[in-house]
Amino acid sequence: MNWPAIAGIALLCLSGCSHYGTFTLPPPDTHGPAPSSWTWQAHSG
């Protein structure tokens, strides 16, 4: 299982007991297209 690197989880408990931390998402999937941009193709109606 690919777990993200998480640092400083639950550093603070502020208003509404919200916890704060420093983290990133897991490395993204390398499969599929790697475009520089996208074009929208809208369905009519």
PDB file of all heavy atoms in Angstrom:
ATOM      1  N   MET A   1       0.838  -1.197   0.000  1.00  0.00           N
ATOM      2  CA  MET A   1       0.000   0.000   0.000  1.00  0.00           C
ATOM      3  C   MET A   1       0.875   1.251   0.000  1.00  0.00           C
ATOM      4  O   MET A   1       1.819   1.346   0.785  1.00  0.00           O
ATOM      5  CB  MET A   1      -0.931  -0.001   1.213  1.00  0.00           C
ATOM      6  CG  MET A   1      -1.982   1.100   1.201  1.00  0.00           C
ATOM      7  SD  MET A   1      -3.189   0.903   2.515  1.00  0.00           S
ATOM      8  CE  MET A   1      -4.024  -0.580   1.995  1.00  0.00           C
ATOM      9  N   ASN A   2       0.568   2.192  -0.883  1.00  0.00           N
ATOM     10  CA  ASN A   2       1.407   3.371  -1.070  1.00  0.00           C
ATOM     11  C   ASN A   2       0.933   4.489  -0.148  1.00  0.00           C
ATOM     12  O   ASN A   2       0.030   5.250  -0.473  1.00  0.00           O
ATOM     13  CB  ASN A   2       1.326   3.816  -2.533  1.00  0.00           C
ATOM     14  CG  ASN A   2       2.299   4.928  -2.821  1.00  0.00           C
ATOM     15  OD1 ASN A   2       3.205   5.162  -2.041  1.00  0.00           O
ATOM     16  ND2 ASN A   2       2.115   5.590  -3.950  1.00  0.00           N
ATOM     17  N   TRP A   3       1.532   4.606   1.041  1.00  0.00           N
ATOM     18  CA  TRP A   3       1.125   5.626   2.002  1.00  0.00           C
ATOM     19  C   TRP A   3       1.894   6.912   1.745  1.00  0.00           C
ATOM     20  O   TRP A   3       3.077   6.890   1.446  1.00  0.00           O
ATOM     21  CB  TRP A   3       1.402   5.157   3.428  1.00  0.00           C
ATOM     22  CG  TRP A   3       0.467   4.092   3.855  1.00  0.00           C
ATOM     23  CD1 TRP A   3       0.622   2.753   3.694  1.00  0.00           C
ATOM     24  CD2 TRP A   3      -0.785   4.265   4.504  1.00  0.00           C
ATOM     25  NE1 TRP A   3      -0.451   2.084   4.189  1.00  0.00           N
ATOM     26  CE2 TRP A   3      -1.334   2.989   4.704  1.00  0.00           C
ATOM     27  CE3 TRP A   3      -1.505   5.378   4.943  1.00  0.00           C
ATOM     28  CZ2 TRP A   3      -2.557   2.789   5.307  1.00  0.00           C
ATOM     29  CZ3 TRP A   3      -2.719   5.182   5.548  1.00  0.00           C
ATOM     30  CH2 TRP A   3      -3.243   3.905   5.722  1.00  0.00           C
ATOM     31  N   PRO A   4       1.233   8.067   1.920  1.00  0.00           N
ATOM     32  CA  PRO A   4       1.911   9.340   1.735  1.00  0.00           C
ATOM     33  C   PRO A   4       2.835   9.648   2.906  1.00  0.00           C
ATOM     34  O   PRO A   4       2.648   9.131   4.005  1.00  0.00           O
ATOM     35  CB  PRO A   4       0.742  10.353   1.694  1.00  0.00           C
ATOM     36  CG  PRO A   4      -0.323   9.718   2.535  1.00  0.00           C
ATOM     37  CD  PRO A   4      -0.194   8.235   2.285  1.00  0.00           C
ATOM     38  N   ALA A   5       3.803  10.487   2.635  1.00  0.00           N
ATOM     39  CA  ALA A   5       4.640  10.996   3.713  1.00  0.00           C
ATOM     40  C   ALA A   5       3.903  12.126   4.406  1.00  0.00           C
ATOM     41  O   ALA A   5       3.548  13.118   3.788  1.00  0.00           O
ATOM     42  CB  ALA A   5       5.968  11.508   3.142  1.00  0.00           C
ATOM     43  N   ILE A   6       3.631  11.947   5.705  1.00  0.00           N
ATOM     44  CA  ILE A   6       2.840  12.923   6.455  1.00  0.00           C
ATOM     45  C   ILE A   6       3.660  13.396   7.642  1.00  0.00           C
ATOM     46  O   ILE A   6       4.189  12.580   8.405  1.00  0.00           O
ATOM     47  CB  ILE A   6       1.513  12.316   6.941  1.00  0.00           C
ATOM     48  CG1 ILE A   6       0.685  11.852   5.740  1.00  0.00           C
ATOM     49  CG2 ILE A   6       0.733  13.311   7.771  1.00  0.00           C
ATOM     50  CD1 ILE A   6      -0.589  11.150   6.129  1.00  0.00           C
ATOM     51  N   ALA A   7       3.766  14.690   7.776  1.00  0.00           N
ATOM     52  CA  ALA A   7       4.527  15.254   8.889  1.00  0.00           C
ATOM     53  C   ALA A   7       3.676  16.245   9.642  1.00  0.00           C
ATOM     54  O   ALA A   7       2.927  17.012   9.060  1.00  0.00           O
ATOM     55  CB  ALA A   7       5.789  15.944   8.372  1.00  0.00           C
ATOM     56  N   GLY A   8       3.770  16.210  10.957  1.00  0.00           N
ATOM     57  CA  GLY A   8       3.111  17.217  11.760  1.00  0.00           C
ATOM     58  C   GLY A   8       1.613  17.106  11.829  1.00  0.00           C
ATOM     59  O   GLY A   8       0.924  18.097  12.042  1.00  0.00           O
ATOM     60  N   ILE A   9       1.044  15.899  11.670  1.00  0.00           N
ATOM     61  CA  ILE A   9      -0.399  15.751  11.766  1.00  0.00           C
ATOM     62  C   ILE A   9      -0.851  16.109  13.176  1.00  0.00           C
ATOM     63  O   ILE A   9      -0.224  15.765  14.172  1.00  0.00           O
ATOM     64  CB  ILE A   9      -0.810  14.306  11.418  1.00  0.00           C
ATOM     65  CG1 ILE A   9      -0.533  14.035   9.943  1.00  0.00           C
ATOM     66  CG2 ILE A   9      -2.252  14.039  11.746  1.00  0.00           C
ATOM     67  CD1 ILE A   9      -1.320  14.919   9.004  1.00  0.00           C
ATOM     68  N   ALA A  10      -1.995  16.778  13.275  1.00  0.00           N
ATOM     69  CA  ALA A  10      -2.573  17.179  14.559  1.00  0.00           C
ATOM     70  C   ALA A  10      -1.632  18.113  15.321  1.00  0.00           C
ATOM     71  O   ALA A  10      -1.451  18.000  16.527  1.00  0.00           O
ATOM     72  CB  ALA A  10      -2.938  15.972  15.414  1.00  0.00           C
ATOM     73  N   LEU A  11      -1.037  19.038  14.591  1.00  0.00           N
ATOM     74  CA  LEU A  11      -0.158  20.009  15.239  1.00  0.00           C
ATOM     75  C   LEU A  11      -0.917  20.944  16.177  1.00  0.00           C
ATOM     76  O   LEU A  11      -0.424  21.324  17.224  1.00  0.00           O
ATOM     77  CB  LEU A  11       0.559  20.847  14.173  1.00  0.00           C
ATOM     78  CG  LEU A  11       1.632  20.151  13.333  1.00  0.00           C
ATOM     79  CD1 LEU A  11       2.135  21.114  12.282  1.00  0.00           C
ATOM     80  CD2 LEU A  11       2.763  19.667  14.208  1.00  0.00           C
ATOM     81  N   LEU A  12      -2.111  21.316  15.745  1.00  0.00           N
ATOM     82  CA  LEU A  12      -2.857  22.324  16.470  1.00  0.00           C
ATOM     83  C   LEU A  12      -4.297  21.889  16.618  1.00  0.00           C
ATOM     84  O   LEU A  12      -4.814  21.116  15.829  1.00  0.00           O
ATOM     85  CB  LEU A  12      -2.834  23.661  15.710  1.00  0.00           C
ATOM     86  CG  LEU A  12      -1.473  24.279  15.395  1.00  0.00           C
ATOM     87  CD1 LEU A  12      -1.667  25.471  14.484  1.00  0.00           C
ATOM     88  CD2 LEU A  12      -0.776  24.709  16.672  1.00  0.00           C
ATOM     89  N   CYS A  13      -4.985  22.412  17.635  1.00  0.00           N
ATOM     90  CA  CYS A  13      -6.430  22.267  17.743  1.00  0.00           C
ATOM     91  C   CYS A  13      -6.974  23.655  18.010  1.00  0.00           C
ATOM     92  O   CYS A  13      -6.852  24.181  19.114  1.00  0.00           O
ATOM     93  CB  CYS A  13      -6.814  21.318  18.868  1.00  0.00           C
ATOM     94  SG  CYS A  13      -8.582  20.973  18.945  1.00  0.00           S
ATOM     95  N   LEU A  14      -7.524  24.264  16.936  1.00  0.00           N
ATOM     96  CA  LEU A  14      -7.958  25.647  17.013  1.00  0.00           C
ATOM     97  C   LEU A  14      -9.468  25.711  17.046  1.00  0.00           C
ATOM     98  O   LEU A  14     -10.120  24.827  17.585  1.00  0.00           O
ATOM     99  CB  LEU A  14      -7.368  26.409  15.827  1.00  0.00           C
ATOM    100  CG  LEU A  14      -5.831  26.388  15.754  1.00  0.00           C
ATOM    101  CD1 LEU A  14      -5.372  27.021  14.451  1.00  0.00           C
ATOM    102  CD2 LEU A  14      -5.211  27.084  16.935  1.00  0.00           C
ATOM    103  N   SER A  15     -10.054  26.744  16.458  1.00  0.00           N
ATOM    104  CA  SER A  15     -11.494  26.935  16.492  1.00  0.00           C
ATOM    105  C   SER A  15     -12.217  25.713  15.942  1.00  0.00           C
ATOM    106  O   SER A  15     -11.884  25.183  14.897  1.00  0.00           O
ATOM    107  CB  SER A  15     -11.857  28.159  15.644  1.00  0.00           C
ATOM    108  OG  SER A  15     -13.245  28.299  15.527  1.00  0.00           O
ATOM    109  N   GLY A  16     -13.245  25.252  16.670  1.00  0.00           N
ATOM    110  CA  GLY A  16     -14.021  24.103  16.239  1.00  0.00           C
ATOM    111  C   GLY A  16     -13.230  22.810  16.358  1.00  0.00           C
ATOM    112  O   GLY A  16     -13.606  21.786  15.811  1.00  0.00           O
ATOM    113  N   CYS A  17     -12.117  22.817  17.127  1.00  0.00           N
ATOM    114  CA  CYS A  17     -11.262  21.642  17.284  1.00  0.00           C
ATOM    115  C   CYS A  17     -10.809  21.091  15.946  1.00  0.00           C
ATOM    116  O   CYS A  17     -10.732  19.879  15.754  1.00  0.00           O
ATOM    117  CB  CYS A  17     -11.968  20.565  18.106  1.00  0.00           C
ATOM    118  SG  CYS A  17     -12.077  20.971  19.854  1.00  0.00           S
ATOM    119  N   SER A  18     -10.532  21.974  14.995  1.00  0.00           N
ATOM    120  CA  SER A  18      -9.963  21.543  13.724  1.00  0.00           C
ATOM    121  C   SER A  18      -8.479  21.273  13.925  1.00  0.00           C
ATOM    122  O   SER A  18      -7.757  22.084  14.512  1.00  0.00           O
ATOM    123  CB  SER A  18     -10.166  22.621  12.659  1.00  0.00           C
ATOM    124  OG  SER A  18     -11.527  22.764  12.345  1.00  0.00           O
ATOM    125  N   HIS A  19      -8.009  20.122  13.441  1.00  0.00           N
ATOM    126  CA  HIS A  19      -6.602  19.788  13.512  1.00  0.00           C
ATOM    127  C   HIS A  19      -5.903  20.244  12.241  1.00  0.00           C
ATOM    128  O   HIS A  19      -6.496  20.282  11.173  1.00  0.00           O
ATOM    129  CB  HIS A  19      -6.422  18.292  13.720  1.00  0.00           C
ATOM    130  CG  HIS A  19      -6.924  17.805  15.039  1.00  0.00           C
ATOM    131  ND1 HIS A  19      -6.246  17.989  16.228  1.00  0.00           N
ATOM    132  CD2 HIS A  19      -8.057  17.144  15.372  1.00  0.00           C
ATOM    133  CE1 HIS A  19      -6.925  17.468  17.215  1.00  0.00           C
ATOM    134  NE2 HIS A  19      -8.038  16.942  16.723  1.00  0.00           N
ATOM    135  N   TYR A  20      -4.626  20.565  12.364  1.00  0.00           N
ATOM    136  CA  TYR A  20      -3.836  21.067  11.251  1.00  0.00           C
ATOM    137  C   TYR A  20      -2.542  20.285  11.146  1.00  0.00           C
ATOM    138  O   TYR A  20      -1.967  19.870  12.153  1.00  0.00           O
ATOM    139  CB  TYR A  20      -3.524  22.563  11.447  1.00  0.00           C
ATOM    140  CG  TYR A  20      -4.745  23.442  11.368  1.00  0.00           C
ATOM    141  CD1 TYR A  20      -5.616  23.548  12.458  1.00  0.00           C
ATOM    142  CD2 TYR A  20      -5.045  24.131  10.205  1.00  0.00           C
ATOM    143  CE1 TYR A  20      -6.757  24.337  12.372  1.00  0.00           C
ATOM    144  CE2 TYR A  20      -6.180  24.929  10.127  1.00  0.00           C
ATOM    145  CZ  TYR A  20      -7.032  25.018  11.208  1.00  0.00           C
ATOM    146  OH  TYR A  20      -8.157  25.783  11.122  1.00  0.00           O
ATOM    147  N   GLY A  21      -2.071  20.090   9.931  1.00  0.00           N
ATOM    148  CA  GLY A  21      -0.828  19.367   9.723  1.00  0.00           C
ATOM    149  C   GLY A  21      -0.221  19.667   8.369  1.00  0.00           C
ATOM    150  O   GLY A  21      -0.785  20.413   7.560  1.00  0.00           O
ATOM    151  N   THR A  22       0.948  19.097   8.134  1.00  0.00           N
ATOM    152  CA  THR A  22       1.666  19.245   6.880  1.00  0.00           C
ATOM    153  C   THR A  22       1.708  17.886   6.196  1.00  0.00           C
ATOM    154  O   THR A  22       2.157  16.906   6.798  1.00  0.00           O
ATOM    155  CB  THR A  22       3.094  19.757   7.134  1.00  0.00           C
ATOM    156  OG1 THR A  22       3.020  21.004   7.814  1.00  0.00           O
ATOM    157  CG2 THR A  22       3.846  19.921   5.817  1.00  0.00           C
ATOM    158  N   PHE A  23       1.244  17.809   4.947  1.00  0.00           N
ATOM    159  CA  PHE A  23       1.198  16.533   4.246  1.00  0.00           C
ATOM    160  C   PHE A  23       1.082  16.790   2.752  1.00  0.00           C
ATOM    161  O   PHE A  23       0.836  17.911   2.313  1.00  0.00           O
ATOM    162  CB  PHE A  23       0.016  15.679   4.723  1.00  0.00           C
ATOM    163  CG  PHE A  23      -1.301  16.420   4.791  1.00  0.00           C
ATOM    164  CD1 PHE A  23      -2.072  16.601   3.653  1.00  0.00           C
ATOM    165  CD2 PHE A  23      -1.770  16.937   5.993  1.00  0.00           C
ATOM    166  CE1 PHE A  23      -3.276  17.277   3.703  1.00  0.00           C
ATOM    167  CE2 PHE A  23      -2.977  17.620   6.052  1.00  0.00           C
ATOM    168  CZ  PHE A  23      -3.736  17.788   4.906  1.00  0.00           C
ATOM    169  N   THR A  24       1.284  15.737   1.987  1.00  0.00           N
ATOM    170  CA  THR A  24       1.029  15.748   0.550  1.00  0.00           C
ATOM    171  C   THR A  24       0.255  14.487   0.196  1.00  0.00           C
ATOM    172  O   THR A  24       0.219  13.524   0.975  1.00  0.00           O
ATOM    173  CB  THR A  24       2.329  15.793  -0.273  1.00  0.00           C
ATOM    174  OG1 THR A  24       3.110  14.638   0.029  1.00  0.00           O
ATOM    175  CG2 THR A  24       3.123  17.054   0.030  1.00  0.00           C
ATOM    176  N   LEU A  25      -0.360  14.467  -0.982  1.00  0.00           N
ATOM    177  CA  LEU A  25      -1.011  13.272  -1.462  1.00  0.00           C
ATOM    178  C   LEU A  25       0.030  12.235  -1.873  1.00  0.00           C
ATOM    179  O   LEU A  25       1.194  12.572  -2.091  1.00  0.00           O
ATOM    180  CB  LEU A  25      -1.918  13.596  -2.649  1.00  0.00           C
ATOM    181  CG  LEU A  25      -3.369  14.002  -2.324  1.00  0.00           C
ATOM    182  CD1 LEU A  25      -3.411  15.316  -1.573  1.00  0.00           C
ATOM    183  CD2 LEU A  25      -4.201  14.082  -3.605  1.00  0.00           C
ATOM    184  N   PRO A  26      -0.377  10.955  -1.997  1.00  0.00           N
ATOM    185  CA  PRO A  26       0.562   9.947  -2.521  1.00  0.00           C
ATOM    186  C   PRO A  26       1.017  10.330  -3.925  1.00  0.00           C
ATOM    187  O   PRO A  26       0.330  11.076  -4.629  1.00  0.00           O
ATOM    188  CB  PRO A  26      -0.288   8.668  -2.556  1.00  0.00           C
ATOM    189  CG  PRO A  26      -1.439   8.921  -1.649  1.00  0.00           C
ATOM    190  CD  PRO A  26      -1.703  10.387  -1.696  1.00  0.00           C
ATOM    191  N   PRO A  27       2.158   9.804  -4.384  1.00  0.00           N
ATOM    192  CA  PRO A  27       2.588  10.081  -5.755  1.00  0.00           C
ATOM    193  C   PRO A  27       1.488   9.693  -6.744  1.00  0.00           C
ATOM    194  O   PRO A  27       0.903   8.612  -6.635  1.00  0.00           O
ATOM    195  CB  PRO A  27       3.834   9.202  -5.926  1.00  0.00           C
ATOM    196  CG  PRO A  27       4.348   9.017  -4.538  1.00  0.00           C
ATOM    197  CD  PRO A  27       3.140   8.975  -3.652  1.00  0.00           C
ATOM    198  N   PRO A  28       1.185  10.551  -7.717  1.00  0.00           N
ATOM    199  CA  PRO A  28       0.083  10.260  -8.645  1.00  0.00           C
ATOM    200  C   PRO A  28       0.407   9.111  -9.591  1.00  0.00           C
ATOM    201  O   PRO A  28       1.570   8.796  -9.855  1.00  0.00           O
ATOM    202  CB  PRO A  28      -0.093  11.577  -9.404  1.00  0.00           C
ATOM    203  CG  PRO A  28       1.205  12.288  -9.256  1.00  0.00           C
ATOM    204  CD  PRO A  28       1.772  11.871  -7.948  1.00  0.00           C
ATOM    205  N   ASP A  29      -0.632   8.500 -10.107  1.00  0.00           N
ATOM    206  CA  ASP A  29      -0.522   7.377 -11.040  1.00  0.00           C
ATOM    207  C   ASP A  29       0.219   7.824 -12.304  1.00  0.00           C
ATOM    208  O   ASP A  29      -0.092   8.865 -12.886  1.00  0.00           O
ATOM    209  CB  ASP A  29      -1.927   6.894 -11.389  1.00  0.00           C
ATOM    210  CG  ASP A  29      -1.927   5.558 -12.108  1.00  0.00           C
ATOM    211  OD1 ASP A  29      -0.865   5.121 -12.571  1.00  0.00           O
ATOM    212  OD2 ASP A  29      -3.020   4.972 -12.225  1.00  0.00           O
ATOM    213  N   THR A  30       1.184   7.027 -12.737  1.00  0.00           N
ATOM    214  CA  THR A  30       1.944   7.381 -13.941  1.00  0.00           C
ATOM    215  C   THR A  30       1.290   6.840 -15.215  1.00  0.00           C
ATOM    216  O   THR A  30       1.736   7.162 -16.316  1.00  0.00           O
ATOM    217  CB  THR A  30       3.377   6.835 -13.851  1.00  0.00           C
ATOM    218  OG1 THR A  30       3.332   5.421 -13.657  1.00  0.00           O
ATOM    219  CG2 THR A  30       4.121   7.479 -12.699  1.00  0.00           C
ATOM    220  N   HIS A  31       0.258   6.022 -15.077  1.00  0.00           N
ATOM    221  CA  HIS A  31      -0.423   5.490 -16.249  1.00  0.00           C
ATOM    222  C   HIS A  31      -1.326   6.556 -16.867  1.00  0.00           C
ATOM    223  O   HIS A  31      -1.709   7.534 -16.223  1.00  0.00           O
ATOM    224  CB  HIS A  31      -1.253   4.260 -15.872  1.00  0.00           C
ATOM    225  CG  HIS A  31      -0.431   3.098 -15.413  1.00  0.00           C
ATOM    226  ND1 HIS A  31      -0.102   2.892 -14.090  1.00  0.00           N
ATOM    227  CD2 HIS A  31       0.152   2.081 -16.101  1.00  0.00           C
ATOM    228  CE1 HIS A  31       0.625   1.795 -13.983  1.00  0.00           C
ATOM    229  NE2 HIS A  31       0.801   1.290 -15.188  1.00  0.00           N
ATOM    230  N   GLY A  32      -1.668   6.367 -18.123  1.00  0.00           N
ATOM    231  CA  GLY A  32      -2.571   7.283 -18.806  1.00  0.00           C
ATOM    232  C   GLY A  32      -1.836   8.422 -19.475  1.00  0.00           C
ATOM    233  O   GLY A  32      -0.610   8.557 -19.375  1.00  0.00           O
ATOM    234  N   PRO A  33      -2.583   9.273 -20.163  1.00  0.00           N
ATOM    235  CA  PRO A  33      -1.971  10.381 -20.900  1.00  0.00           C
ATOM    236  C   PRO A  33      -1.329  11.396 -19.966  1.00  0.00           C
ATOM    237  O   PRO A  33      -1.749  11.553 -18.826  1.00  0.00           O
ATOM    238  CB  PRO A  33      -3.146  10.989 -21.665  1.00  0.00           C
ATOM    239  CG  PRO A  33      -4.358  10.589 -20.888  1.00  0.00           C
ATOM    240  CD  PRO A  33      -4.057   9.237 -20.320  1.00  0.00           C
ATOM    241  N   ALA A  34      -0.295  12.077 -20.482  1.00  0.00           N
ATOM    242  CA  ALA A  34       0.383  13.137 -19.737  1.00  0.00           C
ATOM    243  C   ALA A  34       0.328  14.417 -20.569  1.00  0.00           C
ATOM    244  O   ALA A  34       1.353  14.865 -21.102  1.00  0.00           O
ATOM    245  CB  ALA A  34       1.814  12.741 -19.429  1.00  0.00           C
ATOM    246  N   PRO A  35      -0.838  15.018 -20.698  1.00  0.00           N
ATOM    247  CA  PRO A  35      -0.980  16.170 -21.595  1.00  0.00           C
ATOM    248  C   PRO A  35      -0.391  17.434 -21.001  1.00  0.00           C
ATOM    249  O   PRO A  35      -0.225  17.560 -19.786  1.00  0.00           O
ATOM    250  CB  PRO A  35      -2.499  16.296 -21.736  1.00  0.00           C
ATOM    251  CG  PRO A  35      -3.031  15.792 -20.436  1.00  0.00           C
ATOM    252  CD  PRO A  35      -2.109  14.674 -20.030  1.00  0.00           C
ATOM    253  N   SER A  36      -0.085  18.379 -21.871  1.00  0.00           N
ATOM    254  CA  SER A  36       0.306  19.712 -21.409  1.00  0.00           C
ATOM    255  C   SER A  36      -0.928  20.587 -21.240  1.00  0.00           C
ATOM    256  O   SER A  36      -0.892  21.593 -20.529  1.00  0.00           O
ATOM    257  CB  SER A  36       1.270  20.359 -22.413  1.00  0.00           C
ATOM    258  OG  SER A  36       0.679  20.435 -23.703  1.00  0.00           O
ATOM    259  N   SER A  37      -2.028  20.212 -21.910  1.00  0.00           N
ATOM    260  CA  SER A  37      -3.295  20.938 -21.796  1.00  0.00           C
ATOM    261  C   SER A  37      -4.419  20.002 -22.217  1.00  0.00           C
ATOM    262  O   SER A  37      -4.177  18.866 -22.643  1.00  0.00           O
ATOM    263  CB  SER A  37      -3.285  22.202 -22.664  1.00  0.00           C
ATOM    264  OG  SER A  37      -3.149  21.873 -24.031  1.00  0.00           O
ATOM    265  N   TRP A  38      -5.651  20.503 -22.081  1.00  0.00           N
ATOM    266  CA  TRP A  38      -6.834  19.717 -22.411  1.00  0.00           C
ATOM    267  C   TRP A  38      -7.768  20.534 -23.294  1.00  0.00           C
ATOM    268  O   TRP A  38      -7.779  21.758 -23.224  1.00  0.00           O
ATOM    269  CB  TRP A  38      -7.593  19.307 -21.146  1.00  0.00           C
ATOM    270  CG  TRP A  38      -6.820  18.483 -20.173  1.00  0.00           C
ATOM    271  CD1 TRP A  38      -5.923  18.937 -19.243  1.00  0.00           C
ATOM    272  CD2 TRP A  38      -6.872  17.064 -20.010  1.00  0.00           C
ATOM    273  NE1 TRP A  38      -5.416  17.898 -18.508  1.00  0.00           N
ATOM    274  CE2 TRP A  38      -5.987  16.731 -18.961  1.00  0.00           C
ATOM    275  CE3 TRP A  38      -7.587  16.043 -20.640  1.00  0.00           C
ATOM    276  CZ2 TRP A  38      -5.791  15.414 -18.527  1.00  0.00           C
ATOM    277  CZ3 TRP A  38      -7.399  14.731 -20.199  1.00  0.00           C
ATOM    278  CH2 TRP A  38      -6.514  14.429 -19.167  1.00  0.00           C
ATOM    279  N   THR A  39      -8.562  19.832 -24.085  1.00  0.00           N
ATOM    280  CA  THR A  39      -9.619  20.456 -24.881  1.00  0.00           C
ATOM    281  C   THR A  39     -10.975  19.944 -24.400  1.00  0.00           C
ATOM    282  O   THR A  39     -11.148  18.738 -24.206  1.00  0.00           O
ATOM    283  CB  THR A  39      -9.448  20.122 -26.381  1.00  0.00           C
ATOM    284  OG1 THR A  39      -8.211  20.669 -26.833  1.00  0.00           O
ATOM    285  CG2 THR A  39     -10.591  20.724 -27.201  1.00  0.00           C
ATOM    286  N   TRP A  40     -11.909  20.874 -24.242  1.00  0.00           N
ATOM    287  CA  TRP A  40     -13.254  20.521 -23.807  1.00  0.00           C
ATOM    288  C   TRP A  40     -14.117  20.165 -25.019  1.00  0.00           C
ATOM    289  O   TRP A  40     -14.171  20.920 -25.985  1.00  0.00           O
ATOM    290  CB  TRP A  40     -13.901  21.674 -23.060  1.00  0.00           C
ATOM    291  CG  TRP A  40     -13.291  21.972 -21.725  1.00  0.00           C
ATOM    292  CD1 TRP A  40     -12.242  22.805 -21.466  1.00  0.00           C
ATOM    293  CD2 TRP A  40     -13.710  21.439 -20.469  1.00  0.00           C
ATOM    294  NE1 TRP A  40     -11.978  22.824 -20.121  1.00  0.00           N
ATOM    295  CE2 TRP A  40     -12.859  22.000 -19.487  1.00  0.00           C
ATOM    296  CE3 TRP A  40     -14.720  20.556 -20.075  1.00  0.00           C
ATOM    297  CZ2 TRP A  40     -13.001  21.694 -18.132  1.00  0.00           C
ATOM    298  CZ3 TRP A  40     -14.851  20.256 -18.730  1.00  0.00           C
ATOM    299  CH2 TRP A  40     -13.998  20.810 -17.772  1.00  0.00           C
ATOM    300  N   GLN A  41     -14.794  19.035 -24.935  1.00  0.00           N
ATOM    301  CA  GLN A  41     -15.739  18.622 -25.964  1.00  0.00           C
ATOM    302  C   GLN A  41     -17.110  18.500 -25.309  1.00  0.00           C
ATOM    303  O   GLN A  41     -17.395  17.535 -24.596  1.00  0.00           O
ATOM    304  CB  GLN A  41     -15.313  17.286 -26.581  1.00  0.00           C
ATOM    305  CG  GLN A  41     -16.231  16.785 -27.688  1.00  0.00           C
ATOM    306  CD  GLN A  41     -15.704  15.491 -28.287  1.00  0.00           C
ATOM    307  OE1 GLN A  41     -14.551  15.410 -28.709  1.00  0.00           O
ATOM    308  NE2 GLN A  41     -16.542  14.471 -28.315  1.00  0.00           N
ATOM    309  N   ALA A  42     -17.965  19.491 -25.554  1.00  0.00           N
ATOM    310  CA  ALA A  42     -19.245  19.572 -24.853  1.00  0.00           C
ATOM    311  C   ALA A  42     -20.326  18.778 -25.559  1.00  0.00           C
ATOM    312  O   ALA A  42     -20.424  18.781 -26.786  1.00  0.00           O
ATOM    313  CB  ALA A  42     -19.678  21.030 -24.719  1.00  0.00           C
ATOM    314  N   HIS A  43     -21.143  18.107 -24.778  1.00  0.00           N
ATOM    315  CA  HIS A  43     -22.344  17.441 -25.269  1.00  0.00           C
ATOM    316  C   HIS A  43     -23.429  18.488 -25.464  1.00  0.00           C
ATOM    317  O   HIS A  43     -23.604  19.376 -24.633  1.00  0.00           O
ATOM    318  CB  HIS A  43     -22.787  16.385 -24.257  1.00  0.00           C
ATOM    319  CG  HIS A  43     -23.997  15.611 -24.640  1.00  0.00           C
ATOM    320  ND1 HIS A  43     -25.282  16.082 -24.444  1.00  0.00           N
ATOM    321  CD2 HIS A  43     -24.134  14.383 -25.197  1.00  0.00           C
ATOM    322  CE1 HIS A  43     -26.146  15.181 -24.858  1.00  0.00           C
ATOM    323  NE2 HIS A  43     -25.482  14.138 -25.322  1.00  0.00           N
ATOM    324  N   SER A  44     -24.166  18.407 -26.536  1.00  0.00           N
ATOM    325  CA  SER A  44     -25.208  19.393 -26.819  1.00  0.00           C
ATOM    326  C   SER A  44     -26.415  19.194 -25.913  1.00  0.00           C
ATOM    327  O   SER A  44     -26.889  18.070 -25.721  1.00  0.00           O
ATOM    328  CB  SER A  44     -25.646  19.275 -28.287  1.00  0.00           C
ATOM    329  OG  SER A  44     -26.666  20.200 -28.569  1.00  0.00           O
ATOM    330  N   GLY A  45     -26.888  20.305 -25.338  1.00  0.00           N
ATOM    331  CA  GLY A  45     -28.103  20.270 -24.530  1.00  0.00           C
ATOM    332  C   GLY A  45     -27.855  19.844 -23.094  1.00  0.00           C
ATOM    333  O   GLY A  45     -26.815  19.273 -22.751  1.00  0.00           O
TER     334      GLY A  45
END
